[in-house]
Amino acid sequence: MHEEPHRDWTVESLARTVTMSRPAFARQFKEVVGHTPLAYLARVRIDRAARLLCDTDHPVGDIAQAVGYRSEFAFSRAFSREQGIAPGRYRRTASVPP
């Protein structure tokens, strides 16, 4: 997940990667991490995107694809939901010196 956040991960494919059944993997993942696998993946993607927004001048659409979103719109909605601010505004705010 961390190495390839852009992959089209499913709980099934994650479970297969660690040679577990889907239900056992999902249950154990939530017990250990505290979040479902896909909720955790969303957080990983948004965190990576936030770093890219601050550290690069790549277009938002390119960042969206790099972290696993198929459209800039879907990425913007997810980012805004998690961060409470749109990606473009986040970038502008993060680049203003304190």
N, C-alpha and C. Protein backbone atom coordinates (compact mmCIF):
# COMPACT_ATOMS: atom_id res chain seq x y z
N MET A 1 0.82 -1.19 0.00
CA MET A 1 0.00 0.00 0.00
C MET A 1 0.87 1.25 0.00
N HIS A 2 1.85 1.26 0.87
CA HIS A 2 2.71 2.44 0.98
C HIS A 2 3.61 2.59 -0.23
N GLU A 3 4.07 1.48 -0.76
CA GLU A 3 4.98 1.52 -1.91
C GLU A 3 4.25 1.81 -3.21
N GLU A 4 3.00 1.39 -3.31
CA GLU A 4 2.23 1.56 -4.54
C GLU A 4 0.81 2.06 -4.25
N PRO A 5 0.69 3.27 -3.72
CA PRO A 5 -0.66 3.75 -3.39
C PRO A 5 -1.53 3.95 -4.62
N HIS A 6 -0.92 4.08 -5.78
CA HIS A 6 -1.65 4.30 -7.03
C HIS A 6 -2.33 3.03 -7.54
N ARG A 7 -1.93 1.87 -7.05
CA ARG A 7 -2.54 0.62 -7.51
C ARG A 7 -4.02 0.59 -7.18
N ASP A 8 -4.76 -0.13 -7.99
CA ASP A 8 -6.19 -0.28 -7.78
C ASP A 8 -6.43 -1.37 -6.73
N TRP A 9 -6.07 -1.06 -5.49
CA TRP A 9 -6.17 -2.03 -4.41
C TRP A 9 -7.62 -2.34 -4.05
N THR A 10 -7.84 -3.59 -3.70
CA THR A 10 -9.10 -4.03 -3.09
C THR A 10 -8.72 -4.80 -1.84
N VAL A 11 -9.68 -5.05 -0.98
CA VAL A 11 -9.39 -5.86 0.21
C VAL A 11 -8.95 -7.24 -0.24
N GLU A 12 -9.57 -7.75 -1.29
CA GLU A 12 -9.20 -9.06 -1.82
C GLU A 12 -7.74 -9.09 -2.29
N SER A 13 -7.33 -8.08 -3.04
CA SER A 13 -5.95 -8.08 -3.55
C SER A 13 -4.94 -7.86 -2.42
N LEU A 14 -5.28 -7.07 -1.44
CA LEU A 14 -4.39 -6.89 -0.29
C LEU A 14 -4.26 -8.20 0.49
N ALA A 15 -5.37 -8.88 0.70
CA ALA A 15 -5.34 -10.16 1.41
C ALA A 15 -4.51 -11.19 0.66
N ARG A 16 -4.67 -11.21 -0.64
CA ARG A 16 -3.91 -12.14 -1.48
C ARG A 16 -2.41 -11.87 -1.35
N THR A 17 -2.03 -10.60 -1.28
CA THR A 17 -0.64 -10.21 -1.16
C THR A 17 0.02 -10.79 0.09
N VAL A 18 -0.74 -10.91 1.16
CA VAL A 18 -0.20 -11.45 2.40
C VAL A 18 -0.70 -12.88 2.67
N THR A 19 -1.23 -13.50 1.64
CA THR A 19 -1.72 -14.89 1.68
C THR A 19 -2.67 -15.15 2.86
N MET A 20 -3.70 -14.33 2.92
CA MET A 20 -4.76 -14.51 3.92
C MET A 20 -6.10 -14.48 3.20
N SER A 21 -7.11 -14.99 3.87
CA SER A 21 -8.46 -14.85 3.33
C SER A 21 -8.88 -13.39 3.50
N ARG A 22 -9.80 -12.96 2.67
CA ARG A 22 -10.26 -11.58 2.75
C ARG A 22 -10.87 -11.25 4.10
N PRO A 23 -11.80 -12.07 4.63
CA PRO A 23 -12.39 -11.73 5.93
C PRO A 23 -11.36 -11.71 7.07
N ALA A 24 -10.46 -12.68 7.08
CA ALA A 24 -9.44 -12.73 8.14
C ALA A 24 -8.52 -11.52 8.04
N PHE A 25 -8.13 -11.18 6.83
CA PHE A 25 -7.26 -10.02 6.64
C PHE A 25 -7.95 -8.74 7.11
N ALA A 26 -9.17 -8.54 6.67
CA ALA A 26 -9.91 -7.32 7.02
C ALA A 26 -10.07 -7.21 8.54
N ARG A 27 -10.41 -8.30 9.18
CA ARG A 27 -10.61 -8.31 10.63
C ARG A 27 -9.29 -8.01 11.35
N GLN A 28 -8.22 -8.70 10.97
CA GLN A 28 -6.94 -8.51 11.63
C GLN A 28 -6.38 -7.10 11.37
N PHE A 29 -6.53 -6.63 10.15
CA PHE A 29 -6.05 -5.29 9.81
C PHE A 29 -6.71 -4.25 10.70
N LYS A 30 -8.03 -4.33 10.83
CA LYS A 30 -8.76 -3.36 11.65
C LYS A 30 -8.36 -3.46 13.12
N GLU A 31 -8.15 -4.69 13.61
CA GLU A 31 -7.74 -4.87 15.00
C GLU A 31 -6.36 -4.24 15.25
N VAL A 32 -5.45 -4.42 14.32
CA VAL A 32 -4.07 -3.93 14.50
C VAL A 32 -3.95 -2.44 14.21
N VAL A 33 -4.54 -1.99 13.10
CA VAL A 33 -4.35 -0.61 12.64
C VAL A 33 -5.41 0.34 13.19
N GLY A 34 -6.59 -0.19 13.44
CA GLY A 34 -7.66 0.66 13.96
C GLY A 34 -8.57 1.23 12.89
N HIS A 35 -8.30 0.92 11.63
CA HIS A 35 -9.11 1.37 10.50
C HIS A 35 -9.26 0.21 9.53
N THR A 36 -10.29 0.27 8.71
CA THR A 36 -10.43 -0.74 7.67
C THR A 36 -9.30 -0.56 6.66
N PRO A 37 -8.97 -1.59 5.91
CA PRO A 37 -7.89 -1.47 4.93
C PRO A 37 -8.10 -0.33 3.93
N LEU A 38 -9.31 -0.18 3.41
CA LEU A 38 -9.54 0.84 2.40
C LEU A 38 -9.59 2.25 3.00
N ALA A 39 -10.04 2.38 4.24
CA ALA A 39 -10.00 3.69 4.90
C ALA A 39 -8.54 4.08 5.15
N TYR A 40 -7.73 3.12 5.54
CA TYR A 40 -6.31 3.38 5.75
C TYR A 40 -5.63 3.75 4.44
N LEU A 41 -5.96 3.04 3.38
CA LEU A 41 -5.40 3.35 2.06
C LEU A 41 -5.76 4.77 1.64
N ALA A 42 -6.99 5.17 1.87
CA ALA A 42 -7.39 6.54 1.53
C ALA A 42 -6.54 7.55 2.28
N ARG A 43 -6.27 7.29 3.55
CA ARG A 43 -5.44 8.19 4.35
C ARG A 43 -4.00 8.23 3.81
N VAL A 44 -3.48 7.08 3.44
CA VAL A 44 -2.12 7.01 2.86
C VAL A 44 -2.07 7.85 1.59
N ARG A 45 -3.07 7.71 0.75
CA ARG A 45 -3.11 8.47 -0.50
C ARG A 45 -3.20 9.97 -0.26
N ILE A 46 -4.04 10.38 0.66
CA ILE A 46 -4.21 11.81 0.93
C ILE A 46 -2.94 12.38 1.56
N ASP A 47 -2.33 11.64 2.46
CA ASP A 47 -1.08 12.11 3.07
C ASP A 47 0.02 12.27 2.03
N ARG A 48 0.13 11.31 1.12
CA ARG A 48 1.13 11.40 0.05
C ARG A 48 0.83 12.58 -0.86
N ALA A 49 -0.43 12.77 -1.19
CA ALA A 49 -0.83 13.89 -2.04
C ALA A 49 -0.51 15.22 -1.36
N ALA A 50 -0.75 15.32 -0.07
CA ALA A 50 -0.47 16.56 0.66
C ALA A 50 1.02 16.88 0.57
N ARG A 51 1.87 15.87 0.72
CA ARG A 51 3.31 16.10 0.60
C ARG A 51 3.68 16.55 -0.80
N LEU A 52 3.08 15.93 -1.81
CA LEU A 52 3.37 16.30 -3.20
C LEU A 52 2.89 17.72 -3.50
N LEU A 53 1.75 18.09 -2.94
CA LEU A 53 1.25 19.45 -3.15
C LEU A 53 2.20 20.48 -2.56
N CYS A 54 2.79 20.16 -1.43
CA CYS A 54 3.72 21.09 -0.78
C CYS A 54 5.11 21.10 -1.42
N ASP A 55 5.56 19.93 -1.86
CA ASP A 55 6.95 19.77 -2.27
C ASP A 55 7.20 19.87 -3.77
N THR A 56 6.13 19.88 -4.57
CA THR A 56 6.30 19.92 -6.02
C THR A 56 5.36 20.98 -6.61
N ASP A 57 5.57 21.23 -7.88
CA ASP A 57 4.64 22.12 -8.59
C ASP A 57 3.85 21.33 -9.63
N HIS A 58 3.78 20.02 -9.45
CA HIS A 58 3.02 19.17 -10.37
C HIS A 58 1.55 19.58 -10.35
N PRO A 59 0.89 19.52 -11.49
CA PRO A 59 -0.55 19.82 -11.54
C PRO A 59 -1.34 18.88 -10.62
N VAL A 60 -2.43 19.39 -10.09
CA VAL A 60 -3.26 18.61 -9.18
C VAL A 60 -3.73 17.31 -9.84
N GLY A 61 -4.07 17.35 -11.12
CA GLY A 61 -4.51 16.14 -11.83
C GLY A 61 -3.42 15.07 -11.88
N ASP A 62 -2.17 15.50 -12.06
CA ASP A 62 -1.06 14.54 -12.07
C ASP A 62 -0.85 13.93 -10.68
N ILE A 63 -0.99 14.74 -9.66
CA ILE A 63 -0.87 14.23 -8.29
C ILE A 63 -1.99 13.25 -7.99
N ALA A 64 -3.19 13.58 -8.44
CA ALA A 64 -4.34 12.68 -8.24
C ALA A 64 -4.04 11.31 -8.82
N GLN A 65 -3.53 11.26 -10.04
CA GLN A 65 -3.21 9.97 -10.67
C GLN A 65 -2.07 9.28 -9.96
N ALA A 66 -1.08 10.03 -9.52
CA ALA A 66 0.09 9.45 -8.86
C ALA A 66 -0.27 8.75 -7.55
N VAL A 67 -1.33 9.20 -6.91
CA VAL A 67 -1.71 8.58 -5.64
C VAL A 67 -2.92 7.65 -5.77
N GLY A 68 -3.39 7.43 -6.99
CA GLY A 68 -4.39 6.39 -7.19
C GLY A 68 -5.80 6.82 -7.50
N TYR A 69 -6.02 8.09 -7.81
CA TYR A 69 -7.36 8.53 -8.17
C TYR A 69 -7.49 8.61 -9.68
N ARG A 70 -8.61 8.19 -10.20
CA ARG A 70 -8.81 8.16 -11.65
C ARG A 70 -9.18 9.52 -12.22
N SER A 71 -9.70 10.39 -11.37
CA SER A 71 -10.07 11.72 -11.86
C SER A 71 -9.67 12.78 -10.84
N GLU A 72 -9.40 13.96 -11.35
CA GLU A 72 -9.07 15.07 -10.48
C GLU A 72 -10.26 15.41 -9.58
N PHE A 73 -11.46 15.29 -10.13
CA PHE A 73 -12.67 15.59 -9.36
C PHE A 73 -12.80 14.66 -8.15
N ALA A 74 -12.63 13.34 -8.37
CA ALA A 74 -12.73 12.37 -7.27
C ALA A 74 -11.65 12.64 -6.23
N PHE A 75 -10.45 12.95 -6.69
CA PHE A 75 -9.36 13.27 -5.78
C PHE A 75 -9.70 14.53 -4.96
N SER A 76 -10.16 15.57 -5.63
CA SER A 76 -10.48 16.82 -4.93
C SER A 76 -11.55 16.61 -3.86
N ARG A 77 -12.54 15.81 -4.17
CA ARG A 77 -13.59 15.53 -3.18
C ARG A 77 -13.02 14.77 -1.99
N ALA A 78 -12.22 13.74 -2.27
CA ALA A 78 -11.63 12.95 -1.18
C ALA A 78 -10.67 13.80 -0.34
N PHE A 79 -9.85 14.60 -1.01
CA PHE A 79 -8.88 15.44 -0.31
C PHE A 79 -9.61 16.44 0.57
N SER A 80 -10.62 17.09 0.03
CA SER A 80 -11.39 18.08 0.79
C SER A 80 -12.09 17.45 1.99
N ARG A 81 -12.60 16.24 1.80
CA ARG A 81 -13.28 15.54 2.89
C ARG A 81 -12.29 15.22 4.02
N GLU A 82 -11.10 14.76 3.67
CA GLU A 82 -10.10 14.37 4.68
C GLU A 82 -9.38 15.56 5.30
N GLN A 83 -9.05 16.55 4.50
CA GLN A 83 -8.23 17.67 4.97
C GLN A 83 -9.06 18.91 5.34
N GLY A 84 -10.31 18.94 4.89
CA GLY A 84 -11.15 20.09 5.17
C GLY A 84 -10.84 21.31 4.30
N ILE A 85 -10.10 21.08 3.22
CA ILE A 85 -9.71 22.17 2.33
C ILE A 85 -9.40 21.57 0.96
N ALA A 86 -9.70 22.31 -0.10
CA ALA A 86 -9.45 21.83 -1.46
C ALA A 86 -7.94 21.75 -1.72
N PRO A 87 -7.51 20.84 -2.61
CA PRO A 87 -6.07 20.67 -2.87
C PRO A 87 -5.35 21.95 -3.30
N GLY A 88 -5.95 22.70 -4.20
CA GLY A 88 -5.31 23.94 -4.66
C GLY A 88 -5.13 24.95 -3.54
N ARG A 89 -6.16 25.08 -2.74
CA ARG A 89 -6.08 26.00 -1.60
C ARG A 89 -5.06 25.49 -0.57
N TYR A 90 -5.03 24.18 -0.36
CA TYR A 90 -4.04 23.57 0.56
C TYR A 90 -2.64 23.93 0.09
N ARG A 91 -2.38 23.79 -1.20
CA ARG A 91 -1.06 24.10 -1.76
C ARG A 91 -0.71 25.57 -1.52
N ARG A 92 -1.65 26.45 -1.80
CA ARG A 92 -1.38 27.89 -1.63
C ARG A 92 -1.15 28.23 -0.15
N THR A 93 -1.94 27.65 0.73
CA THR A 93 -1.81 27.90 2.15
C THR A 93 -0.50 27.34 2.70
N ALA A 94 -0.13 26.14 2.24
CA ALA A 94 1.09 25.50 2.73
C ALA A 94 2.34 26.21 2.24
N SER A 95 2.24 26.92 1.11
CA SER A 95 3.42 27.57 0.57
C SER A 95 3.65 28.97 1.12
N VAL A 96 2.71 29.44 1.95
CA VAL A 96 2.86 30.77 2.55
C VAL A 96 3.74 30.61 3.79
N PRO A 97 4.85 31.37 3.88
CA PRO A 97 5.71 31.24 5.04
C PRO A 97 5.01 31.71 6.31
N PRO A 98 5.33 31.08 7.45
CA PRO A 98 4.65 31.44 8.71
C PRO A 98 4.99 32.84 9.18
